[in-house]
Amino acid sequence: MSNMSEQLRAELAVNGLVDSRRAADLLGVSINTFKVWASRSQTVKSGIAADMPKPVATMHGRVYQLADIEEFGRKLAMSARAPRTAERQAGRYFTPDVAADCMTRWAVRSDRDVILEPSVGDGQFALAVKRYGQSRGWKNLVLHACELDSGVAAKAVAAGAVDSDYLHVGDFLGDVALPKVDVAIGNPPFVRVRELGATLKMNALSATEQAMGVQMDRSGSVWVSFVAKAASLLKEGGRLAFVLPLDFTYVRYARPLWAYLSKNFGELSVLRVKQRIFSDILQNVLILFADRKGESTDIIKFVARDVLSADFDVDRASSVAVSVADVVAGERVFQRSLLSPDALKVLTELSCYSMTADKRVKFNIGYVSGNKAYFHPSLEQQELYALPQASLIPTVESSRQLFGAGVGTSSIPFTAKLWSPGAELTETEKRYVAYGEQQGVDMAYKCRIRNPWYRVPGVRCPDVLLTAFSDRPRLYLNDARWVASNSVLCGFLRERESGLRLLASWYTPLTLLNSELQIHSLGGGIMIAVPREADSVRILREEFSGELNYSDLDAALRSNDVWSAYSTGDSAIVDLVGVGGLELLYAGVAELEAWRKS
């Protein structure tokens, strides 16, 4: 922050004030990350968000003193809590003592237990096992630990967490020789297999197939491989306790693992805690408990708690039974289980009056340019290279353009332009192509696989637009007939469907609650809508949605009051399930939103 040029400060600040986007730019983080920090600053007691400055005003969003943001940036740069690049790249998120102690107390049951920690890291679990053994007076516990990084492994030994005789330095998923064990416990790396080097990738795929008997989806994450191999190393009657990302409850590539676990363990439990386990990173997690290796079950005990204590007993906690078959089928049953029985009853009742959105509209991603700055030239670039207006197409380059818009895109006074040249380049466009090649734009992955590299494929004009990154999804009528990038979802109406009638069906609290159920969020609470999830959101059938309250909806969207936008459909819900049913829907939205933002 101290190296910021005066010119940059002047560009980003107005009268010593900055909005959220400019503050994010100053800090070198994404706007979504900044918003998450801001949303947590009032509730987080430790971690980055705790030091966030308070806004001094609100005007189309939060406004901050430039000096406050600069000071926060200095603290961030100097703080020991600042992101650890190498660790994040390796997918390491070190587990707090409270979680490690809770899992250890559940998993370790005898001084004769042989324990495995497949990714020892800083030794949190190994130390938890040692503490627990000492508290019980056990002297015979044996803990085998694996660690890929020899430097990290040496630190674990030096800290007294691991006995060097039982430390295996190397890839747990490779050829490391390990015995059968009674307990597997730990926090495996959270990293996609495709991001691994060639050898590690091959080891992950091979270990998963060997353990489960099925090929792993190459788009999956390496924690799937860790769980599968660790489970295969357990003795009959053994047990497993792992910290895993919340993704485990819904991603497609995890479904074979659920099937494998249900066939190999007599009891499965999932613990989700509202209070963030990792307080300083944006990663939602759960804890998986798998018991009685060698048996089978078709039920998962789902336990939801506000906070976690070291002495928490998951076996004695109240739980909701979740069907493994439903999870494998892709149902969002863990999310539904957070709702009250009364809210679920209302949802069931409304199923007769609703349908999934894909029956009326099909969502797809927008075009992928490969280089936003180049393919969306600024006005100065357009003039400098005399780009012909016929090649400059109005586009939704960013979802920011939609915020503050009314019902339709025609209400937006300014739009970005996509450079999309015709079959024959003009002389000025040839100069622009040469400029792009000088800048290396043609070598970007998405560009170099195209022929020619400067023609963006998949440019289409959707009927409606849905925000892909937002606190709550917003649907807009594309009456200005813009094209759209992959920053938003592009909706194409089914035959004989009307955009205005679709908006009337969409903007109700039923859709709001279904969005919480179907659309996933990354750590911090920002909803990340993908086509498959948006398609599965249930909306009212046309005949039950009533007339679109256009003026109220338009006013709510223009003022960025998304809650009021959805409340324009309250009367349609009241007609179907009464005021009590409406209140239960909103209570359900509030409950799921609290979990999403916790």
Foldseek 3Di string as FASTA:
>chain_A
DVPDDPVLVVVQDDPQKHFLCSLCVVLVHHSLVSVLLCLCCVPFPDALSVLQDDFPDADLHGMHGNVSSVVSSVCLVPPPLNDDVVCVLQQDDDFDLFVLLQLLVAADDDLQFEEEEEACQQLSNLVSNVVVCVVVVRDNYHYAYEHQDPVRVVNCVVVVSHDPVRYFHRHSLDDTDDAQGQEYEYEHGWAQLVSDPPVNSVSQQVQQCVQLVDGADNRGTSVLSVVSNNLSSYDAFGKYKYKAFPCCQFDLRNLSVLVSLQAFAPAKEKEAELPARRSHDQTGIIMIIGGRGRHHHQWYWYHYYHDTGSNDDRVPGHTDIDGSVCSSVRALVNLVRLADPVLVVLLVLCVVFKDFQLVWKFKAFAFDQLDLPLQQDDPVVCVVLVQDPVQWFFECAACVQQQLFFQEPVRRPDTTTGRADDPDDDPSVVVSVVVCVVVVSCVRPCQVVDVNSRHTPRWAFAQWKWAQWALFIDIHGHPVRGTYHRRIMGMHTDPPHDPQLSLLFCQALQLLLLCLSQFDDTRSRITGDHRVSSRGRMTGDSVLSDHQPRVQLRVCRNSVNSVSNSHSRVVSSCVRVRPVNSVSSVVSSVSSSSSSRD
